C-alpha atoms as a PDB file:
ATOM      1  CA  MET A   1      -3.904   9.453  17.247  1.00  0.00           C
ATOM      2  CA  PHE A   2      -2.972   6.208  15.207  1.00  0.00           C
ATOM      3  CA  ASP A   3       0.160   4.307  15.252  1.00  0.00           C
ATOM      4  CA  ARG A   4       2.298   4.142  11.991  1.00  0.00           C
ATOM      5  CA  ILE A   5       3.702   1.006  10.967  1.00  0.00           C
ATOM      6  CA  SER A   6       5.663   0.005   8.173  1.00  0.00           C
ATOM      7  CA  MET A   7       5.731  -3.739   6.610  1.00  0.00           C
ATOM      8  CA  ARG A   8       7.751  -5.048   3.762  1.00  0.00           C
ATOM      9  CA  GLY A   9       7.066  -7.570   1.259  1.00  0.00           C
ATOM     10  CA  ALA A  10       5.943  -8.317  -2.511  1.00  0.00           C
ATOM     11  CA  PRO A  11       2.384  -7.362  -3.567  1.00  0.00           C
ATOM     12  CA  VAL A  12       0.602 -10.668  -4.600  1.00  0.00           C
ATOM     13  CA  CYS A  13      -2.493  -8.993  -5.880  1.00  0.00           C
ATOM     14  CA  ARG A  14      -3.694  -5.615  -7.126  1.00  0.00           C
ATOM     15  CA  ASP A  15      -7.413  -4.383  -7.184  1.00  0.00           C
ATOM     16  CA  SER A  16      -8.858  -1.381  -7.855  1.00  0.00           C
ATOM     17  CA  ASN A  17     -12.186   0.180  -8.646  1.00  0.00           C
ATOM     18  CA  SER A  18     -13.578   3.529  -8.880  1.00  0.00           C
ATOM     19  CA  LEU A  19     -13.719   4.295  -4.972  1.00  0.00           C
ATOM     20  CA  GLU A  20     -10.465   2.808  -3.887  1.00  0.00           C
ATOM     21  CA  SER A  21      -7.626   0.473  -4.428  1.00  0.00           C
ATOM     22  CA  CYS A  22      -6.008  -1.941  -2.453  1.00  0.00           C
ATOM     23  CA  ILE A  23      -2.830  -4.278  -2.388  1.00  0.00           C
ATOM     24  CA  ARG A  24      -2.084  -7.552  -0.358  1.00  0.00           C
ATOM     25  CA  VAL A  25       1.113  -8.137   1.096  1.00  0.00           C
ATOM     26  CA  GLN A  26       2.096 -10.596   3.481  1.00  0.00           C
ATOM     27  CA  GLY A  27      -1.418 -11.702   3.692  1.00  0.00           C
ATOM     28  CA  ILE A  28      -2.500  -8.091   4.825  1.00  0.00           C
ATOM     29  CA  THR A  29      -4.893  -6.146   2.349  1.00  0.00           C
ATOM     30  CA  PHE A  30      -3.871  -2.473   2.529  1.00  0.00           C
ATOM     31  CA  HIS A  31      -6.378   0.002   1.057  1.00  0.00           C
ATOM     32  CA  THR A  32      -4.975   2.992  -0.690  1.00  0.00           C
ATOM     33  CA  LEU A  33      -6.733   6.774  -0.880  1.00  0.00           C
ATOM     34  CA  ALA A  34      -6.238   9.790  -3.091  1.00  0.00           C
ATOM     35  CA  SER A  35      -3.761  10.912  -0.076  1.00  0.00           C
ATOM     36  CA  THR A  36      -1.416   7.819  -0.316  1.00  0.00           C
ATOM     37  CA  ASP A  37       1.959   8.670  -1.177  1.00  0.00           C
ATOM     38  CA  TYR A  38       4.158   7.044  -3.468  1.00  0.00           C
ATOM     39  CA  ASP A  39       8.028   7.437  -3.560  1.00  0.00           C
ATOM     40  CA  ASP A  40      10.987   5.547  -5.168  1.00  0.00           C
ATOM     41  CA  GLY A  41       9.911   5.480  -8.607  1.00  0.00           C
ATOM     42  CA  LEU A  42       6.236   4.919  -7.840  1.00  0.00           C
ATOM     43  CA  ASP A  43       4.029   7.648  -8.868  1.00  0.00           C
ATOM     44  CA  ARG A  44       0.760   6.191  -8.513  1.00  0.00           C
ATOM     45  CA  PHE A  45      -1.272   3.484  -7.810  1.00  0.00           C
ATOM     46  CA  GLU A  46      -1.101   1.819 -11.295  1.00  0.00           C
ATOM     47  CA  ASP A  47       2.658   1.570 -11.149  1.00  0.00           C
ATOM     48  CA  LEU A  48       2.601  -1.315  -8.685  1.00  0.00           C
ATOM     49  CA  GLN A  49       3.266  -4.785 -10.053  1.00  0.00           C
ATOM     50  CA  VAL A  50       3.007  -8.272  -8.330  1.00  0.00           C
ATOM     51  CA  GLY A  51       6.173  -9.517  -7.217  1.00  0.00           C
ATOM     52  CA  GLN A  52       7.886  -6.129  -6.573  1.00  0.00           C
ATOM     53  CA  LYS A  53       9.221  -5.476  -3.078  1.00  0.00           C
ATOM     54  CA  VAL A  54       7.599  -2.689  -1.360  1.00  0.00           C
ATOM     55  CA  GLU A  55       7.489  -1.000   1.917  1.00  0.00           C
ATOM     56  CA  VAL A  56       4.115   0.073   2.916  1.00  0.00           C
ATOM     57  CA  ASP A  57       3.694   2.437   5.749  1.00  0.00           C
ATOM     58  CA  PHE A  58       0.311   2.445   7.102  1.00  0.00           C
ATOM     59  CA  GLU A  59      -2.567   3.344   9.800  1.00  0.00           C
ATOM     60  CA  TYR A  60      -5.108   0.791  11.161  1.00  0.00           C
ATOM     61  CA  ARG A  61      -8.345   2.841  11.362  1.00  0.00           C
ATOM     62  CA  ASP A  62     -12.028   1.476  11.497  1.00  0.00           C
ATOM     63  CA  GLY A  63     -10.385  -2.036  11.280  1.00  0.00           C
ATOM     64  CA  ARG A  64      -8.606  -1.631   7.855  1.00  0.00           C
ATOM     65  CA  HIS A  65      -5.181  -1.299   7.085  1.00  0.00           C
ATOM     66  CA  ILE A  66      -4.999   2.358   5.270  1.00  0.00           C
ATOM     67  CA  ALA A  67      -1.815   2.736   3.309  1.00  0.00           C
ATOM     68  CA  THR A  68      -0.248   6.187   3.831  1.00  0.00           C
ATOM     69  CA  GLU A  69       3.113   5.708   1.915  1.00  0.00           C
ATOM     70  CA  ILE A  70       4.244   3.013  -0.560  1.00  0.00           C
ATOM     71  CA  GLU A  71       7.770   2.806  -1.975  1.00  0.00           C
ATOM     72  CA  LEU A  72       9.846   0.484  -3.546  1.00  0.00           C
ATOM     73  CA  ASP A  73      12.226  -1.509  -1.285  1.00  0.00           C
ATOM     74  CA  ASP A  74      15.872  -1.551  -1.639  1.00  0.00           C
END
């Protein structure tokens, strides 16, 4: 069982390649997968913009922060 944790902040970078995508928020790199859920006006990774305020729900697995849900922060 993995702990679910939330973090809020603004993405400072957005990287995407053919295998996975990632964003960095408050100095932490979050990896997104096909199973990552997007809410509150975000439909997919490409909708994220640098500087937006987001909330990231994630699990820490195999030494990586895996984003389970990303949504705009109010």
